[in-house]
N, C-alpha and C. Protein backbone atom coordinates (compact mmCIF):
# COMPACT_ATOMS: atom_id res chain seq x y z
N UNK A 1 118.94 102.81 96.29
CA UNK A 1 118.77 102.97 97.72
C UNK A 1 120.10 103.47 98.31
N UNK A 2 120.00 104.43 99.23
CA UNK A 2 121.18 104.99 99.84
C UNK A 2 121.75 104.03 100.89
N UNK A 3 122.98 104.29 101.34
CA UNK A 3 123.63 103.43 102.32
C UNK A 3 122.87 103.38 103.64
N UNK A 4 122.17 104.47 103.96
CA UNK A 4 121.44 104.48 105.23
C UNK A 4 120.08 103.78 105.14
N UNK A 5 119.76 103.19 103.99
CA UNK A 5 118.54 102.41 103.84
C UNK A 5 117.34 103.20 103.35
N UNK A 6 117.51 104.48 103.12
CA UNK A 6 116.38 105.28 102.63
C UNK A 6 116.39 105.30 101.12
N UNK A 7 115.20 105.51 100.55
CA UNK A 7 115.08 105.58 99.09
C UNK A 7 115.26 107.02 98.66
N UNK A 8 116.43 107.34 98.17
CA UNK A 8 116.71 108.69 97.67
C UNK A 8 117.37 108.55 96.32
N UNK A 9 117.48 109.66 95.63
CA UNK A 9 118.14 109.63 94.33
C UNK A 9 117.17 109.26 93.23
N UNK A 10 117.59 108.35 92.36
CA UNK A 10 116.73 108.00 91.22
C UNK A 10 115.49 107.26 91.70
N UNK A 11 114.45 107.35 90.91
CA UNK A 11 113.19 106.73 91.31
C UNK A 11 113.22 105.23 91.04
N UNK A 12 112.30 104.53 91.68
CA UNK A 12 112.20 103.10 91.46
C UNK A 12 111.64 102.84 90.06
N UNK A 13 111.63 101.60 89.67
CA UNK A 13 111.22 101.28 88.30
C UNK A 13 109.77 100.83 88.20
N UNK A 14 108.95 101.14 89.19
CA UNK A 14 107.54 100.73 89.16
C UNK A 14 106.71 101.63 88.27
N UNK A 15 105.41 101.30 88.14
CA UNK A 15 104.55 102.15 87.33
C UNK A 15 104.38 103.52 87.97
N UNK A 16 104.27 104.53 87.15
CA UNK A 16 104.13 105.92 87.60
C UNK A 16 105.33 106.38 88.43
N UNK A 17 106.48 105.74 88.25
CA UNK A 17 107.68 106.14 88.97
C UNK A 17 108.24 107.40 88.32
N UNK A 18 108.90 108.20 89.10
CA UNK A 18 109.51 109.40 88.57
C UNK A 18 108.66 110.63 88.80
N UNK A 19 108.95 111.66 88.05
CA UNK A 19 108.26 112.93 88.19
C UNK A 19 106.80 112.79 87.77
N UNK A 20 105.85 113.35 88.56
CA UNK A 20 104.44 113.26 88.18
C UNK A 20 104.16 114.02 86.89
N UNK A 21 103.16 113.57 86.17
CA UNK A 21 102.78 114.22 84.91
C UNK A 21 102.25 115.61 85.16
N UNK A 22 102.46 116.49 84.20
CA UNK A 22 101.89 117.83 84.28
C UNK A 22 100.40 117.75 83.97
N UNK A 23 99.67 118.69 84.49
CA UNK A 23 98.24 118.78 84.17
C UNK A 23 98.08 119.18 82.72
N UNK A 24 97.00 118.73 82.11
CA UNK A 24 96.72 119.05 80.72
C UNK A 24 96.67 120.56 80.51
N UNK A 25 96.05 121.26 81.45
CA UNK A 25 95.95 122.71 81.36
C UNK A 25 97.34 123.36 81.35
N UNK A 26 98.25 122.85 82.20
CA UNK A 26 99.62 123.39 82.24
C UNK A 26 100.35 123.14 80.93
N UNK A 27 100.16 121.95 80.37
CA UNK A 27 100.82 121.63 79.10
C UNK A 27 100.37 122.57 77.99
N UNK A 28 99.07 122.85 77.93
CA UNK A 28 98.54 123.74 76.90
C UNK A 28 99.04 125.16 77.11
N UNK A 29 99.04 125.62 78.37
CA UNK A 29 99.49 126.99 78.67
C UNK A 29 100.96 127.19 78.35
N UNK A 30 101.78 126.14 78.53
CA UNK A 30 103.21 126.28 78.25
C UNK A 30 103.54 126.00 76.78
N UNK A 31 102.52 125.78 75.97
CA UNK A 31 102.75 125.58 74.53
C UNK A 31 103.18 124.19 74.17
N UNK A 32 102.93 123.21 75.04
CA UNK A 32 103.27 121.81 74.79
C UNK A 32 104.73 121.65 74.40
N UNK A 33 105.66 121.96 75.35
CA UNK A 33 107.08 121.94 75.01
C UNK A 33 107.60 120.56 74.58
N UNK A 34 106.97 119.48 75.02
CA UNK A 34 107.43 118.14 74.62
C UNK A 34 107.06 117.80 73.19
N UNK A 35 106.07 118.48 72.64
CA UNK A 35 105.67 118.27 71.27
C UNK A 35 104.82 117.04 71.03
N UNK A 36 104.49 116.29 72.07
CA UNK A 36 103.64 115.11 71.89
C UNK A 36 102.20 115.52 71.69
N UNK A 37 101.45 114.64 71.04
CA UNK A 37 100.04 114.90 70.83
C UNK A 37 99.32 114.83 72.19
N UNK A 38 98.53 115.86 72.50
CA UNK A 38 97.83 115.91 73.78
C UNK A 38 96.49 115.20 73.67
N UNK A 39 96.17 114.44 74.70
CA UNK A 39 94.90 113.72 74.74
C UNK A 39 93.89 114.60 75.48
N UNK A 40 92.93 115.13 74.75
CA UNK A 40 91.92 116.02 75.32
C UNK A 40 90.57 115.35 75.22
N UNK A 41 89.83 115.32 76.33
CA UNK A 41 88.49 114.77 76.31
C UNK A 41 87.57 115.73 75.58
N UNK A 42 86.84 115.22 74.62
CA UNK A 42 85.89 116.04 73.88
C UNK A 42 84.53 115.95 74.56
N UNK A 43 84.08 117.03 75.16
CA UNK A 43 82.79 117.07 75.81
C UNK A 43 81.81 117.82 74.93
N UNK A 44 80.53 117.40 74.95
CA UNK A 44 79.55 118.09 74.11
C UNK A 44 79.34 119.52 74.60
N UNK A 45 78.92 120.41 73.67
CA UNK A 45 78.66 121.80 74.03
C UNK A 45 77.48 121.92 74.97
N UNK A 46 76.46 121.12 74.72
CA UNK A 46 75.26 121.15 75.56
C UNK A 46 75.22 119.88 76.40
N UNK A 47 74.71 119.97 77.65
CA UNK A 47 74.61 118.76 78.45
C UNK A 47 73.62 117.78 77.83
N UNK A 48 73.89 116.50 77.98
CA UNK A 48 73.01 115.48 77.45
C UNK A 48 71.75 115.39 78.29
N UNK A 49 70.62 115.02 77.66
CA UNK A 49 69.35 114.91 78.38
C UNK A 49 69.39 113.85 79.46
N UNK A 50 70.15 112.78 79.27
CA UNK A 50 70.17 111.67 80.23
C UNK A 50 71.08 111.95 81.41
N UNK A 51 71.90 112.98 81.35
CA UNK A 51 72.85 113.24 82.42
C UNK A 51 74.10 112.39 82.30
N UNK A 52 74.23 111.62 81.24
CA UNK A 52 75.38 110.75 81.04
C UNK A 52 76.39 111.42 80.13
N UNK A 53 77.66 111.23 80.43
CA UNK A 53 78.71 111.74 79.57
C UNK A 53 79.02 110.71 78.49
N UNK A 54 79.47 111.13 77.34
CA UNK A 54 79.82 110.17 76.29
C UNK A 54 81.02 109.33 76.74
N UNK A 55 81.06 108.10 76.28
CA UNK A 55 82.17 107.19 76.61
C UNK A 55 83.44 107.68 75.92
N UNK A 56 84.52 107.95 76.70
CA UNK A 56 85.76 108.36 76.05
C UNK A 56 86.29 107.26 75.15
N UNK A 57 86.91 107.60 74.04
CA UNK A 57 87.38 106.57 73.11
C UNK A 57 88.45 105.70 73.74
N UNK A 58 88.28 104.37 73.57
CA UNK A 58 89.29 103.43 74.04
C UNK A 58 89.26 103.13 75.53
N UNK A 59 88.29 103.64 76.27
CA UNK A 59 88.23 103.42 77.71
C UNK A 59 86.94 102.68 78.02
N UNK A 60 87.05 101.57 78.75
CA UNK A 60 85.88 100.75 79.03
C UNK A 60 85.68 100.54 80.52
N UNK A 61 86.04 101.49 81.35
CA UNK A 61 85.88 101.36 82.79
C UNK A 61 84.41 101.53 83.14
N UNK A 62 83.90 100.63 84.01
CA UNK A 62 82.50 100.71 84.42
C UNK A 62 82.30 101.95 85.29
N UNK A 63 81.27 102.73 84.99
CA UNK A 63 80.99 103.93 85.78
C UNK A 63 80.26 103.53 87.06
N UNK A 64 80.65 104.12 88.16
CA UNK A 64 80.02 103.83 89.44
C UNK A 64 78.71 104.61 89.53
N UNK A 65 77.59 103.92 89.43
CA UNK A 65 76.29 104.57 89.46
C UNK A 65 75.82 104.85 90.88
N UNK A 66 76.02 103.89 91.77
CA UNK A 66 75.55 104.05 93.14
C UNK A 66 76.51 103.32 94.08
N UNK A 67 76.44 103.66 95.36
CA UNK A 67 77.34 102.99 96.31
C UNK A 67 77.05 101.50 96.37
N UNK A 68 78.06 100.73 96.65
CA UNK A 68 77.87 99.29 96.80
C UNK A 68 77.12 99.03 98.11
N UNK A 69 76.54 97.84 98.22
CA UNK A 69 75.69 97.51 99.35
C UNK A 69 76.41 97.64 100.69
N UNK A 70 77.67 97.20 100.78
CA UNK A 70 78.36 97.23 102.06
C UNK A 70 78.62 98.65 102.56
N UNK A 71 78.52 99.62 101.67
CA UNK A 71 78.70 101.01 102.09
C UNK A 71 77.46 101.55 102.80
N UNK A 72 76.37 100.83 102.71
CA UNK A 72 75.13 101.28 103.32
C UNK A 72 74.71 100.42 104.50
N UNK A 73 75.58 99.50 104.93
CA UNK A 73 75.26 98.62 106.05
C UNK A 73 75.04 99.41 107.32
N UNK A 74 74.17 98.87 108.17
CA UNK A 74 73.87 99.47 109.47
C UNK A 74 75.12 99.40 110.35
N UNK A 75 75.40 100.48 111.06
CA UNK A 75 76.55 100.52 111.96
C UNK A 75 76.05 100.39 113.41
N UNK A 76 76.88 99.83 114.28
CA UNK A 76 76.45 99.76 115.68
C UNK A 76 76.65 101.11 116.34
N UNK A 77 76.13 101.27 117.53
CA UNK A 77 76.13 102.57 118.22
C UNK A 77 77.55 103.08 118.47
N UNK A 78 78.50 102.18 118.69
CA UNK A 78 79.88 102.60 118.97
C UNK A 78 80.49 103.30 117.76
N UNK A 79 80.19 102.81 116.56
CA UNK A 79 80.80 103.37 115.35
C UNK A 79 80.16 104.69 114.91
N UNK A 80 78.94 104.95 115.32
CA UNK A 80 78.27 106.18 114.91
C UNK A 80 77.82 106.12 113.47
N UNK A 81 77.54 107.27 112.90
CA UNK A 81 77.03 107.34 111.54
C UNK A 81 78.14 107.01 110.54
N UNK A 82 77.79 106.27 109.49
CA UNK A 82 78.73 105.88 108.45
C UNK A 82 78.46 106.74 107.23
N UNK A 83 79.41 107.58 106.86
CA UNK A 83 79.22 108.59 105.83
C UNK A 83 79.59 108.12 104.43
N UNK A 84 79.72 106.84 104.21
CA UNK A 84 80.18 106.35 102.91
C UNK A 84 79.26 106.78 101.77
N UNK A 85 77.95 106.68 101.98
CA UNK A 85 77.01 107.05 100.92
C UNK A 85 77.16 108.53 100.57
N UNK A 86 77.24 109.39 101.57
CA UNK A 86 77.38 110.82 101.33
C UNK A 86 78.70 111.14 100.63
N UNK A 87 79.79 110.54 101.08
CA UNK A 87 81.09 110.78 100.46
C UNK A 87 81.08 110.27 99.02
N UNK A 88 80.48 109.11 98.79
CA UNK A 88 80.38 108.55 97.44
C UNK A 88 79.63 109.52 96.53
N UNK A 89 78.47 109.98 96.98
CA UNK A 89 77.64 110.87 96.15
C UNK A 89 78.38 112.17 95.83
N UNK A 90 79.06 112.75 96.82
CA UNK A 90 79.81 113.99 96.58
C UNK A 90 80.97 113.77 95.63
N UNK A 91 81.67 112.65 95.82
CA UNK A 91 82.82 112.35 94.96
C UNK A 91 82.37 112.13 93.52
N UNK A 92 81.30 111.35 93.33
CA UNK A 92 80.81 111.08 91.98
C UNK A 92 80.25 112.35 91.32
N UNK A 93 79.59 113.20 92.11
CA UNK A 93 79.08 114.46 91.55
C UNK A 93 80.25 115.32 91.07
N UNK A 94 81.31 115.38 91.86
CA UNK A 94 82.49 116.16 91.48
C UNK A 94 83.16 115.56 90.24
N UNK A 95 83.29 114.22 90.21
CA UNK A 95 83.91 113.57 89.05
C UNK A 95 83.07 113.75 87.79
N UNK A 96 81.74 113.71 87.93
CA UNK A 96 80.87 113.96 86.77
C UNK A 96 81.06 115.39 86.26
N UNK A 97 81.21 116.34 87.20
CA UNK A 97 81.40 117.74 86.82
C UNK A 97 82.72 117.93 86.08
N UNK A 98 83.74 117.18 86.47
CA UNK A 98 85.04 117.30 85.80
C UNK A 98 85.08 116.56 84.47
N UNK A 99 84.12 115.64 84.27
CA UNK A 99 84.11 114.84 83.05
C UNK A 99 85.03 113.65 83.10
N UNK A 100 85.51 113.29 84.28
CA UNK A 100 86.48 112.21 84.41
C UNK A 100 85.94 111.00 85.16
N UNK A 101 84.64 110.92 85.38
CA UNK A 101 84.10 109.83 86.19
C UNK A 101 84.31 108.46 85.55
N UNK A 102 84.37 108.40 84.23
CA UNK A 102 84.54 107.11 83.57
C UNK A 102 86.01 106.71 83.44
N UNK A 103 86.90 107.58 83.81
CA UNK A 103 88.33 107.28 83.68
C UNK A 103 88.90 106.60 84.92
N UNK A 104 88.16 106.61 86.00
CA UNK A 104 88.67 106.10 87.28
C UNK A 104 88.02 104.77 87.60
N UNK A 105 88.83 103.80 87.96
CA UNK A 105 88.33 102.46 88.26
C UNK A 105 87.42 102.50 89.49
N UNK A 106 86.39 101.69 89.45
CA UNK A 106 85.40 101.64 90.53
C UNK A 106 86.04 101.27 91.87
N UNK A 107 87.01 100.38 91.86
CA UNK A 107 87.65 99.93 93.09
C UNK A 107 88.39 101.06 93.79
N UNK A 108 89.01 101.95 93.02
CA UNK A 108 89.73 103.08 93.61
C UNK A 108 88.73 104.02 94.30
N UNK A 109 87.61 104.26 93.64
CA UNK A 109 86.58 105.12 94.24
C UNK A 109 86.03 104.48 95.50
N UNK A 110 85.72 103.18 95.44
CA UNK A 110 85.19 102.48 96.60
C UNK A 110 86.17 102.51 97.77
N UNK A 111 87.42 102.25 97.50
CA UNK A 111 88.42 102.24 98.57
C UNK A 111 88.57 103.63 99.18
N UNK A 112 88.56 104.65 98.35
CA UNK A 112 88.63 106.02 98.86
C UNK A 112 87.43 106.32 99.76
N UNK A 113 86.24 105.98 99.30
CA UNK A 113 85.02 106.29 100.03
C UNK A 113 84.98 105.59 101.38
N UNK A 114 85.25 104.30 101.39
CA UNK A 114 85.19 103.54 102.65
C UNK A 114 86.30 103.99 103.60
N UNK A 115 87.48 104.24 103.08
CA UNK A 115 88.58 104.70 103.94
C UNK A 115 88.27 106.06 104.56
N UNK A 116 87.69 106.95 103.78
CA UNK A 116 87.33 108.27 104.30
C UNK A 116 86.26 108.14 105.38
N UNK A 117 85.25 107.31 105.15
CA UNK A 117 84.18 107.13 106.14
C UNK A 117 84.72 106.49 107.42
N UNK A 118 85.58 105.49 107.28
CA UNK A 118 86.18 104.85 108.47
C UNK A 118 87.11 105.81 109.21
N UNK A 119 87.82 106.64 108.48
CA UNK A 119 88.69 107.62 109.12
C UNK A 119 87.88 108.57 109.99
N UNK A 120 86.73 109.02 109.47
CA UNK A 120 85.85 109.90 110.25
C UNK A 120 85.39 109.17 111.51
N UNK A 121 85.02 107.88 111.38
CA UNK A 121 84.59 107.11 112.55
C UNK A 121 85.70 107.01 113.59
N UNK A 122 86.91 106.73 113.16
CA UNK A 122 88.03 106.60 114.10
C UNK A 122 88.32 107.92 114.82
N UNK A 123 88.30 109.01 114.07
CA UNK A 123 88.55 110.31 114.69
C UNK A 123 87.47 110.66 115.71
N UNK A 124 86.23 110.30 115.41
CA UNK A 124 85.14 110.54 116.37
C UNK A 124 85.34 109.69 117.61
N UNK A 125 85.75 108.44 117.44
CA UNK A 125 85.98 107.55 118.58
C UNK A 125 87.11 108.10 119.46
N UNK A 126 88.14 108.64 118.84
CA UNK A 126 89.24 109.23 119.61
C UNK A 126 88.72 110.43 120.41
N UNK A 127 87.88 111.25 119.79
CA UNK A 127 87.33 112.43 120.47
C UNK A 127 86.41 112.03 121.62
N UNK A 128 85.60 110.98 121.42
CA UNK A 128 84.66 110.57 122.45
C UNK A 128 85.33 109.83 123.59
N UNK A 129 86.27 108.97 123.27
CA UNK A 129 86.89 108.14 124.30
C UNK A 129 88.13 108.82 124.87
N UNK A 130 89.21 108.76 124.18
CA UNK A 130 90.44 109.41 124.60
C UNK A 130 91.54 109.02 123.63
N UNK A 131 92.60 109.79 123.64
CA UNK A 131 93.75 109.45 122.81
C UNK A 131 94.56 108.34 123.48
N UNK A 132 94.37 108.18 124.79
CA UNK A 132 95.06 107.13 125.54
C UNK A 132 94.08 106.04 125.93
N UNK A 133 94.61 104.84 126.10
CA UNK A 133 93.83 103.69 126.52
C UNK A 133 94.59 102.99 127.62
N UNK A 134 93.93 102.05 128.27
CA UNK A 134 94.62 101.25 129.30
C UNK A 134 95.02 99.92 128.68
N UNK A 135 96.23 99.48 129.01
CA UNK A 135 96.70 98.17 128.54
C UNK A 135 95.78 97.11 129.13
N UNK A 136 95.39 96.09 128.35
CA UNK A 136 94.42 95.11 128.84
C UNK A 136 94.89 94.30 130.05
N UNK A 137 96.18 94.05 130.19
CA UNK A 137 96.64 93.24 131.33
C UNK A 137 97.30 94.06 132.42
N UNK A 138 98.11 95.04 132.05
CA UNK A 138 98.83 95.80 133.07
C UNK A 138 98.09 97.05 133.50
N UNK A 139 97.19 97.55 132.68
CA UNK A 139 96.47 98.77 133.01
C UNK A 139 97.27 100.03 132.77
N UNK A 140 98.49 99.90 132.27
CA UNK A 140 99.34 101.06 131.99
C UNK A 140 98.77 101.82 130.78
N UNK A 141 98.98 103.14 130.74
CA UNK A 141 98.46 103.90 129.59
C UNK A 141 99.19 103.53 128.29
N UNK A 142 98.40 103.35 127.25
CA UNK A 142 98.93 103.08 125.91
C UNK A 142 98.16 103.95 124.92
N UNK A 143 98.67 104.04 123.73
CA UNK A 143 97.96 104.80 122.68
C UNK A 143 96.68 104.06 122.33
N UNK A 144 95.64 104.82 122.08
CA UNK A 144 94.35 104.25 121.70
C UNK A 144 94.49 103.48 120.39
N UNK A 145 93.87 102.30 120.30
CA UNK A 145 93.92 101.58 119.02
C UNK A 145 93.24 102.36 117.90
N UNK A 146 92.32 103.25 118.27
CA UNK A 146 91.67 104.07 117.25
C UNK A 146 92.66 105.03 116.58
N UNK A 147 93.70 105.43 117.31
CA UNK A 147 94.70 106.34 116.74
C UNK A 147 95.47 105.66 115.61
N UNK A 148 95.89 104.42 115.82
CA UNK A 148 96.62 103.73 114.75
C UNK A 148 95.69 103.37 113.59
N UNK A 149 94.43 103.01 113.90
CA UNK A 149 93.47 102.74 112.83
C UNK A 149 93.22 104.01 112.01
N UNK A 150 93.08 105.13 112.70
CA UNK A 150 92.86 106.40 112.02
C UNK A 150 94.02 106.71 111.07
N UNK A 151 95.22 106.47 111.55
CA UNK A 151 96.41 106.73 110.74
C UNK A 151 96.42 105.84 109.48
N UNK A 152 96.07 104.57 109.64
CA UNK A 152 96.06 103.66 108.50
C UNK A 152 94.99 104.05 107.49
N UNK A 153 93.78 104.36 107.98
CA UNK A 153 92.72 104.77 107.07
C UNK A 153 93.06 106.09 106.38
N UNK A 154 93.70 106.98 107.11
CA UNK A 154 94.09 108.27 106.53
C UNK A 154 95.08 108.07 105.38
N UNK A 155 96.06 107.22 105.58
CA UNK A 155 97.05 106.95 104.52
C UNK A 155 96.38 106.34 103.29
N UNK A 156 95.51 105.36 103.52
CA UNK A 156 94.83 104.72 102.40
C UNK A 156 93.96 105.73 101.66
N UNK A 157 93.21 106.53 102.43
CA UNK A 157 92.33 107.54 101.85
C UNK A 157 93.13 108.52 101.00
N UNK A 158 94.23 109.02 101.52
CA UNK A 158 95.01 110.01 100.79
C UNK A 158 95.68 109.41 99.56
N UNK A 159 96.15 108.18 99.64
CA UNK A 159 96.74 107.54 98.45
C UNK A 159 95.71 107.39 97.34
N UNK A 160 94.50 106.98 97.71
CA UNK A 160 93.43 106.86 96.72
C UNK A 160 93.07 108.23 96.16
N UNK A 161 93.01 109.23 97.05
CA UNK A 161 92.64 110.57 96.58
C UNK A 161 93.68 111.11 95.62
N UNK A 162 94.98 110.90 95.92
CA UNK A 162 96.01 111.37 95.00
C UNK A 162 95.89 110.70 93.65
N UNK A 163 95.53 109.41 93.63
CA UNK A 163 95.32 108.70 92.37
C UNK A 163 94.16 109.32 91.59
N UNK A 164 93.04 109.54 92.28
CA UNK A 164 91.85 110.12 91.63
C UNK A 164 92.17 111.52 91.12
N UNK A 165 92.78 112.34 91.98
CA UNK A 165 93.04 113.72 91.61
C UNK A 165 94.05 113.82 90.47
N UNK A 166 95.03 112.93 90.44
CA UNK A 166 96.02 112.94 89.36
C UNK A 166 95.35 112.65 88.02
N UNK A 167 94.40 111.71 88.01
CA UNK A 167 93.68 111.40 86.77
C UNK A 167 92.88 112.61 86.31
N UNK A 168 92.20 113.27 87.26
CA UNK A 168 91.42 114.46 86.91
C UNK A 168 92.34 115.56 86.41
N UNK A 169 93.45 115.77 87.10
CA UNK A 169 94.39 116.82 86.73
C UNK A 169 94.98 116.60 85.34
N UNK A 170 95.28 115.35 85.01
CA UNK A 170 95.89 115.05 83.73
C UNK A 170 94.91 115.08 82.57
N UNK A 171 93.60 115.00 82.85
CA UNK A 171 92.62 114.87 81.79
C UNK A 171 91.60 115.99 81.75
N UNK A 172 91.84 117.07 82.44
CA UNK A 172 90.86 118.14 82.48
C UNK A 172 91.50 119.46 82.06
N UNK A 173 90.74 120.26 81.35
CA UNK A 173 91.23 121.57 80.93
C UNK A 173 91.04 122.61 82.02
N UNK A 174 90.17 122.35 82.97
CA UNK A 174 89.90 123.31 84.05
C UNK A 174 90.84 123.06 85.22
N UNK A 175 90.98 124.06 86.07
CA UNK A 175 91.80 123.95 87.27
C UNK A 175 90.90 123.55 88.42
N UNK A 176 91.14 122.39 89.02
CA UNK A 176 90.28 121.87 90.08
C UNK A 176 91.02 121.79 91.41
N UNK A 177 91.74 122.83 91.77
CA UNK A 177 92.46 122.82 93.04
C UNK A 177 91.58 123.18 94.22
N UNK A 178 90.43 123.78 94.01
CA UNK A 178 89.56 124.16 95.13
C UNK A 178 88.20 123.50 94.95
N UNK A 179 87.51 123.31 96.07
CA UNK A 179 86.16 122.77 96.03
C UNK A 179 86.09 121.30 95.68
N UNK A 180 86.96 120.48 96.27
CA UNK A 180 86.96 119.05 95.99
C UNK A 180 86.21 118.31 97.10
N UNK A 181 85.79 117.06 96.86
CA UNK A 181 85.12 116.29 97.90
C UNK A 181 85.99 116.05 99.13
N UNK A 182 87.30 116.12 98.95
CA UNK A 182 88.20 115.94 100.10
C UNK A 182 87.94 117.02 101.15
N UNK A 183 87.53 118.21 100.72
CA UNK A 183 87.22 119.29 101.66
C UNK A 183 86.03 118.94 102.53
N UNK A 184 85.03 118.26 101.98
CA UNK A 184 83.83 117.95 102.74
C UNK A 184 84.07 116.85 103.77
N UNK A 185 85.06 115.98 103.56
CA UNK A 185 85.38 114.95 104.55
C UNK A 185 85.84 115.61 105.84
N UNK A 186 86.69 116.62 105.72
CA UNK A 186 87.13 117.36 106.91
C UNK A 186 85.96 118.09 107.55
N UNK A 187 85.07 118.62 106.74
CA UNK A 187 83.90 119.32 107.26
C UNK A 187 83.02 118.37 108.06
N UNK A 188 82.84 117.13 107.58
CA UNK A 188 82.05 116.13 108.31
C UNK A 188 82.65 115.85 109.67
N UNK A 189 83.97 115.72 109.68
CA UNK A 189 84.66 115.42 110.93
C UNK A 189 84.52 116.58 111.92
N UNK A 190 84.68 117.79 111.44
CA UNK A 190 84.67 118.95 112.33
C UNK A 190 83.28 119.42 112.72
N UNK A 191 82.25 118.97 111.98
CA UNK A 191 80.90 119.45 112.24
C UNK A 191 80.26 118.80 113.45
N UNK A 192 80.72 117.65 113.87
CA UNK A 192 80.06 116.95 114.99
C UNK A 192 80.76 117.24 116.29
């Protein structure tokens, strides 16, 4: 830590500290300069009849088949439509297409989905009500509580997305920089 209190210089000693891993595709294209054995997911040439991907060796993460019950709960009129089911379905379809759906823990997917849906709700509330609110006792203008909630949900959503995307990037031979479920979250927000 620097004298001014900021974290600069060498990275902390936590997990995944330091420089992010290169994508598998980048490692192969550069000729694997580190010389380590590359872990490549072996996918069948033909799609399976059941629509299920084979279990990667040594990985026992439960695959998320459907949204959890709380993601489908009825919302009150103030909150508007809750897009968790739609975001979940799009995210899982994309992860199935990449072949990495079994590599990501269910809790990370759930947290991403709920945070994205709540972020959309907060942004809609800001648009419908106002960016400013009245203080409950003095009546003076203050920032809307939806603005700070939106910011918190946005940070959580993006942290989860970076985790998901990093796993896909490190374990996929294809380049998945375009056409991700993150694009549709913005589309949901802007469409209403």
